[in-house]
Amino acid sequence: MAPSPSLLSFFFFFFFTAVSFFSLLLHAAKLPFCPRDVLPLLPRQVSWPILNSLHSPVDLLPSFVGAASSPNDTLEWKGACFYENRAWIEFHNKSGSEFGGGTLHIKVSNAHSWTCMDLYVFATPYRVTWDYYFISREHTYEFKEWQGKAEFEYVKNRGVSIFLMQAGMLGTLQALWDVFPLFTNTGWGENSNIGFLKKHMGASFEQRPQPWVTNISVDDIKSGDFLAISKIRGRWGGFETLEKWVSGAYAGHSAVCLKDSEGKLWVGESGHENEKGEDVIAMLPWDEWWDFELNKDDSNPHIALLPLHPDIRAKFNETAAWEYAQSMDGKPYGYHNMIFSWIDTIDRNYPPPLDAHLVASVMTVWNQIQPEYAANMWNEALNKRLGTQGLSLPDILVEVEKRGSSFDELLTIPEQDDWLYADGKSTSCVAFILEMYKEAGLFDPIASYIQVTEFTIKDAYNLKFFESNSSRLPKWCNDGDNVKLPFCQIRGKYRMELPGYNSMEAYPHMNERCPSLPPKYSRPQNC
């Protein structure tokens, strides 16, 4: 009779524990293997819970260890497998080309076990490549020929950027497996998104009593009321989870309510998918929008209505708001400046191990794979920050160096609301709403000192624009819930959280220089 799965699990768990304990006893001697390295060889029901405790989707992000340049300026660091590492570049002209090539030397030693390996990514503005090492010795990577004078000069002055996959080969594969379900339209995917947000942001996801959909009276919804939306399943659920993590927002999408002269309720939304599959700005009748969210949106959206405060509502110029909305209707979603709203500082907005070096490398990869996509997402925005036109990403990086600046400084230059891109003004979901607020007079008298394209969704719901007296909320607001939220959750199984809700007075140059690091996303008093 074969042993039961539970007995096998206990045996292998005992085996792993014993090996770990043995390694502690023999800490002065190097084992031929590390307990973590043999985990994937164990049964899935044993190894995966342990691997999950050691690795997470964040481990997919490589960590910048430095830039290798001349032998006279050797780079040194500690790896995940090899604890002593050195790197330098040797220039040569084996190809006989005008600018030659180079050899990247990497000397690795002092491995923590005989079975581990280190995985590296190497990058310049013109290429991204990778290699792995599991033998303790000096390794080389050949750049046979530099792609012109610009790359040669860049590497000579700045070196080749080196990134370490901190979790090692097995940990990286495990992290990749953990990322995959975030984007799947399954219960597994939903639970993965919830687990990620709990672990990395401290979200609670407390279940609400039913009904999970509110019986709304549209008569109680007014122009300017804000809709905060959190998707936790499928393609958009996975994307929003990562967006929430980097920005600190507990919602990943937003829309705004407007009533026309006949009292009909509409929803303005940047990011609506049209018949061609394009993400555009659209004005939709409430009934159409609400029906989609209830019956057709498979991302399990959680939706909160944030009514404006009466004093703020009194300032809201409905005519100006409609003029703005109609001028933007049908225009493309604001991809150009989407990533810049949360990057305000050189090093205090990136969740570790993310940093500006990694951002530049990711951009370089996309620039090679999808040049049109890269141009739409960031090239034009980066050109505007430099005051240039038409420069490609490699040219932008070189130009930054020529000016004695750096790419991380370039990313922090605030977006300007009046910048016109090739396809017009660029507004993400929240920028569209706040620009409407700006046109409607809600930021007066400091509107000229506010750049709403610098706001994240968190920055928007933190504005002190919303109802602060729960007795004035609609009677159906949070009906049946034993916890009375300061806003109206109208859809969703889990209770929505909006930390810092309705707490921040608008001020000049708001959200242009503010840090935000998980899990607390703490900010100075003036942010």
Protein backbone atom coordinates (compact mmCIF):
# COMPACT_ATOMS: atom_id res chain seq x y z
CA MET A 1 0.00 0.00 0.00
CA ALA A 2 1.43 3.37 -1.00
CA PRO A 3 1.82 5.98 1.71
CA SER A 4 -0.90 8.63 1.81
CA PRO A 5 -0.21 12.12 0.39
CA SER A 6 -0.35 13.56 3.89
CA LEU A 7 2.25 11.08 5.11
CA LEU A 8 4.51 11.86 2.15
CA SER A 9 4.10 15.55 2.81
CA PHE A 10 5.05 15.09 6.43
CA PHE A 11 8.10 13.05 5.44
CA PHE A 12 9.40 15.60 2.96
CA PHE A 13 8.63 18.49 5.28
CA PHE A 14 10.59 16.70 8.01
CA PHE A 15 13.40 16.11 5.50
CA PHE A 16 13.57 19.79 4.58
CA THR A 17 13.47 20.86 8.22
CA ALA A 18 16.20 18.39 9.13
CA VAL A 19 18.44 19.56 6.30
CA SER A 20 17.88 23.18 7.28
CA PHE A 21 18.74 22.43 10.90
CA PHE A 22 21.81 20.49 9.81
CA SER A 23 22.97 23.44 7.72
CA LEU A 24 22.71 25.69 10.77
CA LEU A 25 24.83 23.30 12.80
CA LEU A 26 27.47 23.22 10.08
CA HIS A 27 27.36 26.92 9.29
CA ALA A 28 31.14 27.05 9.10
CA ALA A 29 31.27 24.37 6.39
CA LYS A 30 29.81 24.76 2.91
CA LEU A 31 27.15 22.19 2.03
CA PRO A 32 27.13 20.65 -1.46
CA PHE A 33 23.63 22.08 -1.82
CA CYS A 34 21.35 24.64 -0.23
CA PRO A 35 17.98 23.45 1.15
CA ARG A 36 16.22 26.12 -0.90
CA ASP A 37 17.85 24.80 -4.09
CA VAL A 38 16.29 21.34 -3.69
CA LEU A 39 12.77 22.54 -2.91
CA PRO A 40 11.53 22.21 -6.51
CA LEU A 41 12.49 18.52 -6.38
CA LEU A 42 10.03 17.89 -3.56
CA PRO A 43 6.32 17.18 -4.06
CA ARG A 44 4.32 20.23 -5.10
CA GLN A 45 2.15 20.21 -1.97
CA VAL A 46 5.31 20.49 0.13
CA SER A 47 7.61 22.68 -1.92
CA TRP A 48 5.22 25.33 -3.20
CA PRO A 49 3.98 26.70 0.13
CA ILE A 50 7.60 27.04 1.24
CA LEU A 51 8.69 28.59 -2.07
CA ASN A 52 5.77 30.98 -1.90
CA SER A 53 6.96 32.15 1.50
CA LEU A 54 10.43 32.78 0.08
CA HIS A 55 9.53 34.36 -3.25
CA SER A 56 6.82 36.57 -4.66
CA PRO A 57 6.01 38.29 -7.98
CA VAL A 58 8.23 41.16 -6.86
CA ASP A 59 11.21 38.84 -7.35
CA LEU A 60 10.70 39.13 -11.10
CA LEU A 61 12.18 42.61 -10.89
CA PRO A 62 15.95 42.66 -11.36
CA SER A 63 17.99 44.76 -8.96
CA PHE A 64 20.51 47.28 -10.27
CA VAL A 65 23.96 46.49 -8.85
CA GLY A 66 25.96 49.07 -10.78
CA ALA A 67 27.59 49.92 -14.10
CA ALA A 68 30.74 48.19 -15.29
CA SER A 69 33.26 50.45 -16.99
CA SER A 70 37.05 50.43 -17.32
CA PRO A 71 39.39 47.99 -15.48
CA ASN A 72 40.56 50.97 -13.42
CA ASP A 73 37.06 51.38 -11.98
CA THR A 74 36.03 47.84 -11.03
CA LEU A 75 32.46 47.26 -9.87
CA GLU A 76 31.99 44.98 -6.83
CA TRP A 77 28.79 43.55 -5.29
CA LYS A 78 27.21 40.61 -3.47
CA GLY A 79 25.06 38.28 -5.56
CA ALA A 80 22.24 35.90 -4.70
CA CYS A 81 24.44 32.83 -5.25
CA PHE A 82 27.99 34.16 -5.42
CA TYR A 83 28.76 36.51 -2.57
CA GLU A 84 31.89 38.08 -4.12
CA ASN A 85 31.64 39.54 -7.62
CA ARG A 86 33.67 41.97 -9.70
CA ALA A 87 33.04 43.37 -13.18
CA TRP A 88 34.78 45.62 -15.68
CA ILE A 89 34.73 46.43 -19.40
CA GLU A 90 37.64 45.92 -21.77
CA PHE A 91 37.31 47.80 -25.05
CA HIS A 92 38.65 46.20 -28.25
CA ASN A 93 38.23 46.27 -32.00
CA LYS A 94 38.15 42.61 -32.97
CA SER A 95 35.44 43.39 -35.51
CA GLY A 96 37.54 45.98 -37.30
CA SER A 97 34.60 48.39 -37.21
CA GLU A 98 34.78 52.14 -36.69
CA PHE A 99 34.06 52.05 -32.95
CA GLY A 100 34.90 48.44 -32.12
CA GLY A 101 33.30 46.43 -29.35
CA GLY A 102 34.00 45.33 -25.82
CA THR A 103 34.31 42.42 -23.43
CA LEU A 104 32.41 42.46 -20.16
CA HIS A 105 34.44 40.58 -17.54
CA ILE A 106 32.56 39.18 -14.54
CA LYS A 107 34.52 37.34 -11.87
CA VAL A 108 32.27 35.41 -9.47
CA SER A 109 33.35 33.54 -6.33
CA ASN A 110 32.31 32.40 -2.85
CA ALA A 111 29.07 30.61 -3.78
CA HIS A 112 26.75 29.81 -0.90
CA SER A 113 26.14 26.30 -2.31
CA TRP A 114 27.26 24.03 -5.13
CA THR A 115 23.87 24.01 -6.84
CA CYS A 116 22.99 27.70 -7.01
CA MET A 117 23.42 30.12 -9.90
CA ASP A 118 23.13 33.85 -10.52
CA LEU A 119 21.07 35.28 -13.36
CA TYR A 120 22.01 38.70 -14.75
CA VAL A 121 20.64 41.26 -17.19
CA PHE A 122 23.04 43.62 -19.00
CA ALA A 123 21.81 46.84 -20.58
CA THR A 124 22.84 49.93 -22.52
CA PRO A 125 20.41 52.39 -24.12
CA TYR A 126 20.75 50.34 -27.32
CA ARG A 127 20.44 46.75 -26.15
CA VAL A 128 19.39 44.45 -23.32
CA THR A 129 20.79 40.95 -22.94
CA TRP A 130 21.32 38.36 -20.20
CA ASP A 131 23.53 35.55 -18.94
CA TYR A 132 23.78 33.18 -15.98
CA TYR A 133 26.70 31.78 -13.97
CA PHE A 134 27.01 28.70 -11.76
CA ILE A 135 30.78 28.12 -11.83
CA SER A 136 33.14 30.11 -9.64
CA ARG A 137 35.60 31.75 -12.05
CA GLU A 138 36.01 34.71 -14.39
CA HIS A 139 33.35 34.83 -17.11
CA THR A 140 33.13 37.06 -20.16
CA TYR A 141 30.34 38.43 -22.28
CA GLU A 142 31.17 39.77 -25.73
CA PHE A 143 29.76 42.93 -27.26
CA LYS A 144 31.14 42.26 -30.72
CA GLU A 145 30.39 45.70 -32.06
CA TRP A 146 28.95 48.89 -30.57
CA GLN A 147 25.92 50.21 -32.41
CA GLY A 148 27.60 53.40 -33.53
CA LYS A 149 29.39 56.27 -31.86
CA ALA A 150 26.55 57.05 -29.45
CA GLU A 151 26.62 53.62 -27.76
CA PHE A 152 30.43 53.61 -27.71
CA GLU A 153 30.54 57.02 -26.01
CA TYR A 154 27.79 56.06 -23.60
CA VAL A 155 29.50 52.87 -22.45
CA LYS A 156 32.87 54.62 -22.25
CA ASN A 157 31.41 57.31 -19.98
CA ARG A 158 28.65 55.46 -18.15
CA GLY A 159 29.42 51.76 -18.50
CA VAL A 160 27.15 48.75 -19.01
CA SER A 161 24.33 48.53 -16.46
CA ILE A 162 24.20 45.23 -14.58
CA PHE A 163 21.03 43.88 -12.96
CA LEU A 164 20.80 40.86 -10.67
CA MET A 165 17.76 38.60 -10.46
CA GLN A 166 17.83 38.50 -6.68
CA ALA A 167 15.79 35.33 -6.32
CA GLY A 168 18.13 33.31 -8.53
CA MET A 169 17.02 31.10 -11.39
CA LEU A 170 14.55 28.95 -9.44
CA GLY A 171 13.16 31.88 -7.50
CA THR A 172 12.68 33.85 -10.71
CA LEU A 173 10.80 30.96 -12.29
CA GLN A 174 8.66 30.67 -9.17
CA ALA A 175 7.97 34.42 -9.20
CA LEU A 176 7.01 34.18 -12.87
CA TRP A 177 4.54 31.46 -11.98
CA ASP A 178 3.16 33.69 -9.22
CA VAL A 179 2.70 36.61 -11.62
CA PHE A 180 0.85 34.55 -14.22
CA PRO A 181 -2.38 34.09 -12.23
CA LEU A 182 -2.66 37.83 -11.52
CA PHE A 183 -3.83 38.25 -15.12
CA THR A 184 -6.06 35.18 -15.39
CA ASN A 185 -9.83 35.48 -15.32
CA THR A 186 -10.24 32.77 -12.69
CA GLY A 187 -10.88 32.42 -8.99
CA TRP A 188 -7.20 31.53 -8.69
CA GLY A 189 -6.33 34.83 -10.35
CA GLU A 190 -8.66 36.81 -8.10
CA ASN A 191 -7.21 35.21 -4.98
CA SER A 192 -3.70 35.91 -6.27
CA ASN A 193 -4.47 39.60 -6.73
CA ILE A 194 -6.01 39.80 -3.28
CA GLY A 195 -3.03 37.99 -1.77
CA PHE A 196 -0.56 40.30 -3.51
CA LEU A 197 -2.32 43.45 -2.28
CA LYS A 198 -2.59 42.09 1.24
CA LYS A 199 1.09 41.20 1.35
CA HIS A 200 2.58 44.24 -0.35
CA MET A 201 0.13 47.01 0.57
CA GLY A 202 -1.48 45.79 3.77
CA ALA A 203 -4.97 45.77 2.24
CA SER A 204 -7.57 43.91 4.33
CA PHE A 205 -10.32 42.78 1.89
CA GLU A 206 -12.98 42.31 4.55
CA GLN A 207 -16.11 40.70 3.16
CA ARG A 208 -19.29 42.78 3.18
CA PRO A 209 -22.71 41.43 4.02
CA GLN A 210 -24.97 40.92 1.03
CA PRO A 211 -26.37 42.45 -1.11
CA TRP A 212 -23.11 43.27 -2.87
CA VAL A 213 -24.87 45.54 -5.37
CA THR A 214 -26.68 48.66 -4.18
CA ASN A 215 -30.16 49.58 -5.33
CA ILE A 216 -29.26 53.07 -6.51
CA SER A 217 -31.51 56.06 -7.05
CA VAL A 218 -29.90 58.10 -9.83
CA ASP A 219 -31.72 61.20 -8.58
CA ASP A 220 -29.24 61.26 -5.69
CA ILE A 221 -26.19 61.26 -7.97
CA LYS A 222 -25.02 64.71 -9.01
CA SER A 223 -22.64 66.25 -11.51
CA GLY A 224 -19.02 65.95 -10.43
CA ASP A 225 -19.50 62.90 -8.21
CA PHE A 226 -16.42 60.69 -8.45
CA LEU A 227 -16.45 56.94 -9.15
CA ALA A 228 -13.51 54.97 -7.71
CA ILE A 229 -13.18 51.51 -9.26
CA SER A 230 -11.03 48.58 -8.18
CA LYS A 231 -10.72 45.53 -10.45
CA ILE A 232 -9.30 42.35 -8.99
CA ARG A 233 -9.61 39.74 -11.72
CA GLY A 234 -8.44 39.12 -15.29
CA ARG A 235 -6.19 41.23 -17.49
CA TRP A 236 -7.23 44.55 -16.00
CA GLY A 237 -7.25 43.14 -12.49
CA GLY A 238 -3.60 42.12 -12.79
CA PHE A 239 -2.59 45.42 -14.34
CA GLU A 240 -4.40 47.40 -11.65
CA THR A 241 -2.81 45.32 -8.89
CA LEU A 242 0.66 46.33 -10.05
CA GLU A 243 -0.48 49.93 -10.58
CA LYS A 244 -1.86 50.07 -7.03
CA TRP A 245 1.37 48.67 -5.64
CA VAL A 246 3.62 51.28 -7.26
CA SER A 247 1.30 54.26 -6.69
CA GLY A 248 -0.25 53.45 -3.30
CA ALA A 249 -3.78 53.86 -4.66
CA TYR A 250 -6.44 51.46 -3.41
CA ALA A 251 -8.39 51.92 -6.64
CA GLY A 252 -7.08 51.32 -10.14
CA HIS A 253 -9.62 53.11 -12.31
CA SER A 254 -11.97 56.07 -12.05
CA ALA A 255 -14.85 57.81 -13.79
CA VAL A 256 -17.04 60.87 -13.18
CA CYS A 257 -20.77 61.60 -13.21
CA LEU A 258 -22.41 64.43 -15.17
CA LYS A 259 -26.04 65.39 -15.60
CA ASP A 260 -27.21 67.15 -18.73
CA SER A 261 -29.73 70.00 -18.99
CA GLU A 262 -32.59 67.49 -19.06
CA GLY A 263 -31.43 65.78 -15.88
CA LYS A 264 -30.12 62.65 -17.62
CA LEU A 265 -27.15 61.08 -15.86
CA TRP A 266 -23.96 60.35 -17.82
CA VAL A 267 -20.60 58.84 -16.96
CA GLY A 268 -17.36 60.30 -18.30
CA GLU A 269 -14.59 57.73 -18.55
CA SER A 270 -11.09 57.78 -19.97
CA GLY A 271 -10.21 54.18 -20.76
CA HIS A 272 -13.49 53.00 -22.27
CA GLU A 273 -12.99 50.29 -24.90
CA ASN A 274 -14.79 51.18 -28.13
CA GLU A 275 -16.02 48.88 -30.91
CA LYS A 276 -12.54 48.79 -32.47
CA GLY A 277 -10.94 47.65 -29.23
CA GLU A 278 -9.32 51.05 -28.67
CA ASP A 279 -9.18 52.68 -25.24
CA VAL A 280 -10.73 56.11 -25.60
CA ILE A 281 -12.43 58.87 -23.63
CA ALA A 282 -16.20 58.43 -23.75
CA MET A 283 -19.40 59.94 -22.38
CA LEU A 284 -21.83 57.11 -21.66
CA PRO A 285 -25.42 57.10 -20.41
CA TRP A 286 -25.49 55.91 -16.80
CA ASP A 287 -27.79 52.98 -17.57
CA GLU A 288 -25.41 51.69 -20.25
CA TRP A 289 -22.34 52.13 -18.07
CA TRP A 290 -23.95 50.58 -14.99
CA ASP A 291 -25.34 47.62 -16.95
CA PHE A 292 -21.86 46.88 -18.26
CA GLU A 293 -20.35 46.99 -14.78
CA LEU A 294 -23.06 44.72 -13.38
CA ASN A 295 -23.38 42.17 -16.17
CA LYS A 296 -20.48 42.32 -18.61
CA ASP A 297 -17.35 43.40 -16.75
CA ASP A 298 -15.60 40.13 -15.86
CA SER A 299 -12.91 41.82 -13.75
CA ASN A 300 -15.14 41.72 -10.62
CA PRO A 301 -15.13 45.51 -10.24
CA HIS A 302 -15.62 47.04 -6.80
CA ILE A 303 -17.10 50.51 -7.17
CA ALA A 304 -17.48 53.43 -4.78
CA LEU A 305 -19.39 56.65 -5.38
CA LEU A 306 -17.71 59.69 -3.79
CA PRO A 307 -20.26 62.53 -3.65
CA LEU A 308 -18.91 66.07 -3.74
CA HIS A 309 -19.22 68.23 -0.63
CA PRO A 310 -22.07 70.78 -0.91
CA ASP A 311 -19.62 73.70 -0.77
CA ILE A 312 -17.52 72.17 -3.54
CA ARG A 313 -20.61 71.28 -5.55
CA ALA A 314 -21.71 74.91 -5.38
CA LYS A 315 -18.47 75.88 -7.15
CA PHE A 316 -18.89 73.23 -9.86
CA ASN A 317 -19.54 74.92 -13.21
CA GLU A 318 -21.59 72.28 -14.98
CA THR A 319 -21.54 74.13 -18.32
CA ALA A 320 -17.74 74.34 -18.34
CA ALA A 321 -17.51 70.70 -17.31
CA TRP A 322 -19.70 69.62 -20.24
CA GLU A 323 -17.74 71.75 -22.68
CA TYR A 324 -14.53 70.08 -21.57
CA ALA A 325 -16.05 66.59 -21.65
CA GLN A 326 -17.42 67.06 -25.16
CA SER A 327 -14.09 68.44 -26.39
CA MET A 328 -12.36 65.25 -25.19
CA ASP A 329 -15.04 62.73 -26.20
CA GLY A 330 -13.60 60.06 -28.51
CA LYS A 331 -9.96 61.03 -28.00
CA PRO A 332 -7.37 58.38 -27.07
CA TYR A 333 -6.68 57.37 -23.50
CA GLY A 334 -3.68 59.21 -22.03
CA TYR A 335 -0.95 56.62 -22.39
CA HIS A 336 1.73 59.26 -23.00
CA ASN A 337 1.99 60.43 -19.41
CA MET A 338 0.53 57.49 -17.52
CA ILE A 339 3.75 56.42 -15.79
CA PHE A 340 4.86 59.92 -14.84
CA SER A 341 2.10 60.72 -12.34
CA TRP A 342 3.68 58.55 -9.62
CA ILE A 343 7.36 59.38 -10.29
CA ASP A 344 8.06 62.62 -8.41
CA THR A 345 11.44 61.94 -6.82
CA ILE A 346 14.73 60.36 -7.84
CA ASP A 347 14.58 57.41 -5.45
CA ARG A 348 11.52 57.63 -3.17
CA ASN A 349 8.73 56.47 -5.48
CA TYR A 350 10.06 53.12 -6.66
CA PRO A 351 9.10 50.00 -4.70
CA PRO A 352 12.34 48.04 -4.21
CA PRO A 353 14.01 46.69 -6.28
CA LEU A 354 12.47 48.96 -8.92
CA ASP A 355 14.48 52.07 -9.77
CA ALA A 356 15.16 54.45 -12.66
CA HIS A 357 17.86 52.17 -14.08
CA LEU A 358 15.36 49.33 -14.35
CA VAL A 359 12.74 51.65 -15.85
CA ALA A 360 15.25 52.70 -18.52
CA SER A 361 16.09 49.08 -19.28
CA VAL A 362 12.45 48.05 -19.56
CA MET A 363 11.88 50.99 -21.89
CA THR A 364 14.88 49.87 -23.94
CA VAL A 365 13.43 46.37 -24.31
CA TRP A 366 10.07 47.73 -25.46
CA ASN A 367 11.81 50.19 -27.75
CA GLN A 368 13.35 47.25 -29.59
CA ILE A 369 10.33 44.94 -29.54
CA GLN A 370 7.54 47.47 -30.12
CA PRO A 371 9.02 50.81 -31.22
CA GLU A 372 5.60 52.33 -32.02
CA TYR A 373 4.28 51.29 -28.60
CA ALA A 374 7.35 52.78 -26.90
CA ALA A 375 6.97 56.04 -28.80
CA ASN A 376 3.34 56.29 -27.69
CA MET A 377 3.99 55.37 -24.07
CA TRP A 378 6.97 57.54 -23.19
CA ASN A 379 9.22 58.80 -26.00
CA GLU A 380 7.13 61.87 -26.78
CA ALA A 381 6.72 62.68 -23.08
CA LEU A 382 10.47 62.37 -22.51
CA ASN A 383 11.14 64.64 -25.50
CA LYS A 384 8.86 67.26 -24.00
CA ARG A 385 10.81 67.14 -20.76
CA LEU A 386 14.01 67.74 -22.70
CA GLY A 387 12.52 70.37 -24.98
CA THR A 388 13.40 68.23 -28.01
CA GLN A 389 11.40 66.61 -30.79
CA GLY A 390 11.58 63.20 -32.41
CA LEU A 391 14.47 61.75 -30.40
CA SER A 392 14.36 57.98 -29.97
CA LEU A 393 14.85 56.49 -26.51
CA PRO A 394 18.58 55.79 -27.01
CA ASP A 395 19.07 59.34 -28.30
CA ILE A 396 17.16 60.68 -25.28
CA LEU A 397 19.41 58.80 -22.86
CA VAL A 398 22.52 60.06 -24.62
CA GLU A 399 21.19 63.63 -24.72
CA VAL A 400 20.53 63.53 -20.98
CA GLU A 401 24.14 62.53 -20.35
CA LYS A 402 25.42 65.28 -22.64
CA ARG A 403 23.55 67.83 -20.54
CA GLY A 404 25.17 66.58 -17.36
CA SER A 405 21.86 65.30 -16.01
CA SER A 406 20.54 61.78 -15.46
CA PHE A 407 17.58 59.71 -16.54
CA ASP A 408 16.18 59.54 -13.01
CA GLU A 409 16.15 63.35 -12.87
CA LEU A 410 14.43 63.50 -16.25
CA LEU A 411 11.61 61.26 -15.04
CA THR A 412 10.86 63.60 -12.13
CA ILE A 413 10.17 66.69 -14.28
CA PRO A 414 6.46 67.45 -13.73
CA GLU A 415 4.02 66.85 -16.56
CA GLN A 416 2.30 70.01 -17.82
CA ASP A 417 -1.45 69.93 -18.44
CA ASP A 418 -1.15 72.12 -21.54
CA TRP A 419 1.32 69.83 -23.34
CA LEU A 420 -0.10 68.73 -26.69
CA TYR A 421 0.92 65.33 -28.00
CA ALA A 422 0.64 64.04 -31.55
CA ASP A 423 -2.93 62.89 -30.84
CA GLY A 424 -3.92 65.83 -28.63
CA LYS A 425 -4.00 66.30 -24.87
CA SER A 426 -3.08 63.18 -22.95
CA THR A 427 -5.31 62.34 -19.99
CA SER A 428 -5.47 59.11 -18.05
CA CYS A 429 -8.70 58.15 -16.28
CA VAL A 430 -8.02 60.32 -13.24
CA ALA A 431 -6.39 63.18 -15.17
CA PHE A 432 -9.53 63.45 -17.31
CA ILE A 433 -11.68 63.85 -14.18
CA LEU A 434 -9.39 66.32 -12.47
CA GLU A 435 -8.97 68.38 -15.62
CA MET A 436 -12.77 68.56 -15.71
CA TYR A 437 -12.72 69.68 -12.07
CA LYS A 438 -10.13 72.27 -13.03
CA GLU A 439 -12.25 73.58 -15.91
CA ALA A 440 -15.31 73.57 -13.64
CA GLY A 441 -13.57 75.83 -11.11
CA LEU A 442 -12.89 73.43 -8.25
CA PHE A 443 -9.20 74.31 -8.06
CA ASP A 444 -9.75 78.07 -8.17
CA PRO A 445 -8.01 80.35 -7.31
CA ILE A 446 -4.83 78.23 -7.63
CA ALA A 447 -5.80 76.35 -10.81
CA SER A 448 -2.88 77.76 -12.80
CA TYR A 449 -0.50 76.23 -10.24
CA ILE A 450 -2.04 72.75 -10.43
CA GLN A 451 -0.92 70.10 -12.93
CA VAL A 452 -3.56 67.39 -12.65
CA THR A 453 -1.54 65.03 -14.85
CA GLU A 454 0.76 64.70 -11.82
CA PHE A 455 -2.07 63.19 -9.73
CA THR A 456 -2.60 59.48 -9.11
CA ILE A 457 -6.00 58.05 -8.24
CA LYS A 458 -4.96 58.12 -4.59
CA ASP A 459 -4.13 61.82 -4.90
CA ALA A 460 -7.61 62.38 -6.34
CA TYR A 461 -9.62 60.66 -3.61
CA ASN A 462 -7.41 62.27 -0.95
CA LEU A 463 -8.52 65.73 -2.12
CA LYS A 464 -10.77 67.46 0.39
CA PHE A 465 -13.53 67.78 -2.19
CA PHE A 466 -15.97 65.16 -0.96
CA GLU A 467 -18.84 64.82 1.47
CA SER A 468 -17.66 64.80 5.08
CA ASN A 469 -21.05 64.49 6.81
CA SER A 470 -22.36 60.93 6.60
CA SER A 471 -25.89 62.10 7.44
CA ARG A 472 -26.02 63.85 4.06
CA LEU A 473 -25.13 60.70 2.11
CA PRO A 474 -28.02 59.07 0.19
CA LYS A 475 -30.19 56.75 2.28
CA TRP A 476 -29.26 53.79 0.09
CA CYS A 477 -25.56 54.45 0.66
CA ASN A 478 -23.91 51.36 2.24
CA ASP A 479 -27.37 49.95 2.88
CA GLY A 480 -27.16 46.70 4.81
CA ASP A 481 -23.49 47.09 5.74
CA ASN A 482 -22.72 47.11 9.45
CA VAL A 483 -19.68 49.32 8.77
CA LYS A 484 -20.61 52.82 7.64
CA LEU A 485 -18.04 54.06 5.17
CA PRO A 486 -17.58 57.81 4.56
CA PHE A 487 -18.46 57.18 0.90
CA CYS A 488 -20.97 54.97 -0.92
CA GLN A 489 -19.78 51.55 -2.02
CA ILE A 490 -22.24 50.48 -4.69
CA ARG A 491 -20.72 47.22 -5.89
CA GLY A 492 -18.37 44.56 -4.60
CA LYS A 493 -18.00 41.58 -2.30
CA TYR A 494 -15.16 43.15 -0.31
CA ARG A 495 -15.28 46.42 1.59
CA MET A 496 -13.33 49.10 -0.25
CA GLU A 497 -10.58 51.02 1.51
CA LEU A 498 -9.45 54.50 0.51
CA PRO A 499 -6.73 55.51 3.01
CA GLY A 500 -6.43 59.27 3.40
CA TYR A 501 -9.85 59.80 1.84
CA ASN A 502 -11.04 63.42 1.72
CA SER A 503 -8.16 64.72 3.83
CA MET A 504 -5.95 66.98 1.69
CA GLU A 505 -6.56 70.63 0.86
CA ALA A 506 -5.38 71.60 -2.61
CA TYR A 507 -2.17 73.65 -2.70
CA PRO A 508 0.06 75.08 -5.47
CA HIS A 509 2.26 72.51 -7.26
CA MET A 510 0.40 69.72 -5.52
CA ASN A 511 1.80 66.19 -5.91
CA GLU A 512 4.78 67.28 -7.97
CA ARG A 513 7.56 66.34 -5.52
CA CYS A 514 6.05 63.72 -3.23
CA PRO A 515 7.58 60.38 -2.18
CA SER A 516 5.47 57.22 -2.00
CA LEU A 517 7.02 53.93 -0.92
CA PRO A 518 5.12 50.78 0.06
CA PRO A 519 3.78 49.46 2.28
CA LYS A 520 2.89 52.66 4.19
CA TYR A 521 3.32 55.20 1.35
CA SER A 522 4.21 57.84 3.95
CA ARG A 523 4.56 61.44 2.82
CA PRO A 524 5.95 64.61 4.38
CA GLN A 525 3.46 67.03 5.85
CA ASN A 526 3.45 69.26 2.76
CA CYS A 527 2.52 66.35 0.47
